[in-house]
C-alpha atoms as a PDB file:
ATOM      1  CA  MET A   1     -14.147  40.624  27.892  1.00  0.00           C
ATOM      2  CA  ASN A   2     -15.711  37.226  27.756  1.00  0.00           C
ATOM      3  CA  ILE A   3     -16.099  35.825  31.290  1.00  0.00           C
ATOM      4  CA  ALA A   4     -18.439  32.857  30.632  1.00  0.00           C
ATOM      5  CA  PRO A   5     -16.623  29.813  29.210  1.00  0.00           C
ATOM      6  CA  ASN A   6     -17.396  29.092  25.656  1.00  0.00           C
ATOM      7  CA  ASN A   7     -18.525  25.394  25.406  1.00  0.00           C
ATOM      8  CA  GLN A   8     -18.749  25.526  21.545  1.00  0.00           C
ATOM      9  CA  ALA A   9     -14.950  25.876  21.360  1.00  0.00           C
ATOM     10  CA  SER A  10     -14.355  22.827  23.584  1.00  0.00           C
ATOM     11  CA  LYS A  11     -16.709  20.881  21.473  1.00  0.00           C
ATOM     12  CA  ILE A  12     -15.028  21.656  18.226  1.00  0.00           C
ATOM     13  CA  ASP A  13     -11.707  20.774  19.688  1.00  0.00           C
ATOM     14  CA  LYS A  14     -12.952  17.317  20.825  1.00  0.00           C
ATOM     15  CA  ALA A  15     -14.590  16.738  17.382  1.00  0.00           C
ATOM     16  CA  GLN A  16     -11.306  17.715  15.678  1.00  0.00           C
ATOM     17  CA  LEU A  17      -9.320  15.420  18.017  1.00  0.00           C
ATOM     18  CA  GLU A  18     -11.723  12.555  17.328  1.00  0.00           C
ATOM     19  CA  GLN A  19     -11.295  13.105  13.614  1.00  0.00           C
ATOM     20  CA  VAL A  20      -7.496  13.057  13.848  1.00  0.00           C
ATOM     21  CA  GLU A  21      -7.646   9.882  15.907  1.00  0.00           C
ATOM     22  CA  GLN A  22     -10.039   8.246  13.476  1.00  0.00           C
ATOM     23  CA  LYS A  23      -7.661   8.973  10.522  1.00  0.00           C
ATOM     24  CA  GLU A  24      -4.767   7.434  12.425  1.00  0.00           C
ATOM     25  CA  HIS A  25      -6.635   4.228  12.868  1.00  0.00           C
ATOM     26  CA  GLU A  26      -7.813   4.193   9.221  1.00  0.00           C
ATOM     27  CA  TYR A  27      -4.428   2.855   7.753  1.00  0.00           C
ATOM     28  CA  ALA A  28      -4.505  -0.950   7.704  1.00  0.00           C
ATOM     29  CA  LEU A  29      -2.682  -3.542   5.691  1.00  0.00           C
ATOM     30  CA  ILE A  30      -4.616  -4.114   2.488  1.00  0.00           C
ATOM     31  CA  ALA A  31      -2.283  -6.750   1.033  1.00  0.00           C
ATOM     32  CA  GLN A  32       1.238  -7.938   0.725  1.00  0.00           C
ATOM     33  CA  TYR A  33       2.961  -8.578  -2.562  1.00  0.00           C
ATOM     34  CA  VAL A  34       6.366  -9.712  -3.754  1.00  0.00           C
ATOM     35  CA  ARG A  35       7.985  -7.110  -6.057  1.00  0.00           C
ATOM     36  CA  THR A  36      10.519  -7.721  -8.773  1.00  0.00           C
ATOM     37  CA  ARG A  37      13.828  -6.054  -8.454  1.00  0.00           C
ATOM     38  CA  GLY A  38      14.480  -3.204 -10.932  1.00  0.00           C
ATOM     39  CA  LEU A  39      10.848  -2.518 -11.688  1.00  0.00           C
ATOM     40  CA  THR A  40       8.948   0.500 -10.544  1.00  0.00           C
ATOM     41  CA  MET A  41       5.605   0.376  -9.056  1.00  0.00           C
ATOM     42  CA  TYR A  42       2.672   2.356 -10.669  1.00  0.00           C
ATOM     43  CA  ALA A  43      -1.074   2.995  -9.816  1.00  0.00           C
ATOM     44  CA  TYR A  44      -3.865   3.186 -12.422  1.00  0.00           C
ATOM     45  CA  SER A  45      -6.925   5.101 -11.479  1.00  0.00           C
ATOM     46  CA  ASN A  46     -10.030   3.746 -13.314  1.00  0.00           C
ATOM     47  CA  ALA A  47     -12.069   7.009 -12.372  1.00  0.00           C
ATOM     48  CA  SER A  48      -9.521   9.410 -13.706  1.00  0.00           C
ATOM     49  CA  LYS A  49      -7.712   7.135 -16.205  1.00  0.00           C
ATOM     50  CA  GLU A  50      -4.308   8.309 -14.990  1.00  0.00           C
ATOM     51  CA  ILE A  51      -1.093   6.630 -14.093  1.00  0.00           C
ATOM     52  CA  SER A  52       0.954   7.629 -11.130  1.00  0.00           C
ATOM     53  CA  LYS A  53       4.221   6.524  -9.664  1.00  0.00           C
ATOM     54  CA  VAL A  54       3.929   5.056  -6.243  1.00  0.00           C
ATOM     55  CA  SER A  55       6.543   5.905  -3.514  1.00  0.00           C
ATOM     56  CA  VAL A  56       8.003   3.100  -1.714  1.00  0.00           C
ATOM     57  CA  SER A  57       9.950   3.294   1.639  1.00  0.00           C
ATOM     58  CA  HIS A  58      12.520   0.702   2.532  1.00  0.00           C
ATOM     59  CA  LYS A  59      12.510  -1.431   5.727  1.00  0.00           C
ATOM     60  CA  ASP A  60      15.607  -3.470   6.566  1.00  0.00           C
ATOM     61  CA  THR A  61      14.372  -5.845   9.297  1.00  0.00           C
ATOM     62  CA  VAL A  62      13.000  -9.363   9.136  1.00  0.00           C
ATOM     63  CA  HIS A  63      11.854 -11.259  12.178  1.00  0.00           C
ATOM     64  CA  LEU A  64      12.392 -15.073  12.178  1.00  0.00           C
ATOM     65  CA  LYS A  65      10.550 -17.194  14.509  1.00  0.00           C
ATOM     66  CA  PRO A  66      12.024 -20.659  15.448  1.00  0.00           C
ATOM     67  CA  THR A  67       9.535 -23.560  14.983  1.00  0.00           C
ATOM     68  CA  PHE A  68       9.981 -27.303  15.252  1.00  0.00           C
ATOM     69  CA  SER A  69      10.708 -27.659  11.375  1.00  0.00           C
ATOM     70  CA  GLY A  70      12.842 -24.591  11.053  1.00  0.00           C
ATOM     71  CA  LEU A  71      12.686 -20.815  11.080  1.00  0.00           C
ATOM     72  CA  MET A  72       9.479 -18.958   9.814  1.00  0.00           C
ATOM     73  CA  ALA A  73       9.706 -15.410   8.489  1.00  0.00           C
ATOM     74  CA  ASP A  74       7.322 -13.029  10.269  1.00  0.00           C
ATOM     75  CA  ILE A  75       6.097 -10.239   8.013  1.00  0.00           C
ATOM     76  CA  ALA A  76       9.220 -10.351   5.805  1.00  0.00           C
ATOM     77  CA  ALA A  77       8.493  -6.973   4.230  1.00  0.00           C
ATOM     78  CA  THR A  78      11.463  -4.928   2.995  1.00  0.00           C
ATOM     79  CA  GLU A  79       9.363  -2.217   1.147  1.00  0.00           C
ATOM     80  CA  ILE A  80       6.367  -0.422   2.528  1.00  0.00           C
ATOM     81  CA  CYS A  81       4.111   2.009   0.646  1.00  0.00           C
ATOM     82  CA  GLU A  82       0.875   3.611   1.242  1.00  0.00           C
ATOM     83  CA  VAL A  83      -1.718   3.039  -1.622  1.00  0.00           C
ATOM     84  CA  ASP A  84      -5.207   3.916  -2.530  1.00  0.00           C
ATOM     85  CA  SER A  85      -7.315   0.794  -2.432  1.00  0.00           C
ATOM     86  CA  ARG A  86      -9.340   2.058  -5.308  1.00  0.00           C
ATOM     87  CA  ASP A  87      -6.386   2.097  -7.779  1.00  0.00           C
ATOM     88  CA  ILE A  88      -4.964  -0.975  -9.620  1.00  0.00           C
ATOM     89  CA  HIS A  89      -1.250  -1.401  -8.821  1.00  0.00           C
ATOM     90  CA  PHE A  90       1.275  -3.000 -11.191  1.00  0.00           C
ATOM     91  CA  GLU A  91       4.954  -2.873 -11.908  1.00  0.00           C
ATOM     92  CA  ALA A  92       6.676  -1.741 -15.160  1.00  0.00           C
ATOM     93  CA  LEU A  93      10.156  -0.859 -16.242  1.00  0.00           C
ATOM     94  CA  ASN A  94       9.415   2.801 -16.819  1.00  0.00           C
ATOM     95  CA  ILE A  95       6.568   5.076 -17.726  1.00  0.00           C
ATOM     96  CA  LYS A  96       6.611   4.097 -21.404  1.00  0.00           C
ATOM     97  CA  THR A  97       6.113   0.442 -20.658  1.00  0.00           C
ATOM     98  CA  ALA A  98       3.490   1.300 -18.066  1.00  0.00           C
ATOM     99  CA  LEU A  99       1.504   3.134 -20.684  1.00  0.00           C
ATOM    100  CA  ARG A 100       1.903   0.121 -23.077  1.00  0.00           C
ATOM    101  CA  ARG A 101       0.498  -2.214 -20.276  1.00  0.00           C
ATOM    102  CA  VAL A 102      -2.484   0.073 -19.602  1.00  0.00           C
ATOM    103  CA  GLU A 103      -3.304   0.204 -23.369  1.00  0.00           C
ATOM    104  CA  LYS A 104      -3.196  -3.643 -23.605  1.00  0.00           C
ATOM    105  CA  TYR A 105      -5.434  -3.858 -20.485  1.00  0.00           C
ATOM    106  CA  GLN A 106      -7.908  -1.307 -21.975  1.00  0.00           C
ATOM    107  CA  SER A 107      -7.995  -3.182 -25.259  1.00  0.00           C
ATOM    108  CA  GLY A 108      -8.516  -6.632 -23.674  1.00  0.00           C
ATOM    109  CA  LEU A 109      -5.217  -8.326 -24.639  1.00  0.00           C
ATOM    110  CA  ILE A 110      -4.478  -8.909 -20.946  1.00  0.00           C
ATOM    111  CA  LYS A 111      -7.035  -9.786 -18.256  1.00  0.00           C
ATOM    112  CA  ASP A 112      -5.522  -8.304 -15.251  1.00  0.00           C
ATOM    113  CA  LEU A 113      -3.478  -5.104 -14.980  1.00  0.00           C
ATOM    114  CA  CYS A 114      -1.910  -6.138 -11.668  1.00  0.00           C
ATOM    115  CA  ASN A 115       1.296  -8.166 -12.049  1.00  0.00           C
ATOM    116  CA  LEU A 116       2.311  -8.459  -8.378  1.00  0.00           C
ATOM    117  CA  ARG A 117       2.863 -11.950  -6.903  1.00  0.00           C
ATOM    118  CA  THR A 118       1.434 -12.788  -3.539  1.00  0.00           C
ATOM    119  CA  PRO A 119       4.067 -13.963  -0.893  1.00  0.00           C
ATOM    120  CA  ASN A 120       4.774 -17.577  -0.070  1.00  0.00           C
ATOM    121  CA  ARG A 121       4.120 -18.013   3.791  1.00  0.00           C
ATOM    122  CA  ASP A 122       5.553 -21.445   3.941  1.00  0.00           C
ATOM    123  CA  GLU A 123       8.206 -22.059   6.543  1.00  0.00           C
ATOM    124  CA  LEU A 124      11.914 -21.858   5.656  1.00  0.00           C
ATOM    125  CA  SER A 125      13.918 -25.014   5.736  1.00  0.00           C
ATOM    126  CA  PHE A 126      17.704 -25.344   5.993  1.00  0.00           C
END
């Protein structure tokens, strides 16, 4: 029977809790892009030279803020996905066209593999 309290177990628990809390805070907004309807998002890893499909979750809310010149969209995201910042993300119709795009990128026919557009943050006018 162990009567004396074990301080090692409490230290391990605190360290594990701190690790979990740190992992929860590691997720941050890297970038926002406008996607093309009907295309699938893929990720290309330069280290492993592999293509993987990115899973996208849908969000159906948009917040509009009234301003003097009209309404302004506040983070008008309808799709959210968790990505690895080391990968290059791009859109293609299917895996066959994704492979063809990566081959063109590797051969130098196209400069940038990413074909995602940045959002326009200007105000909406009616």
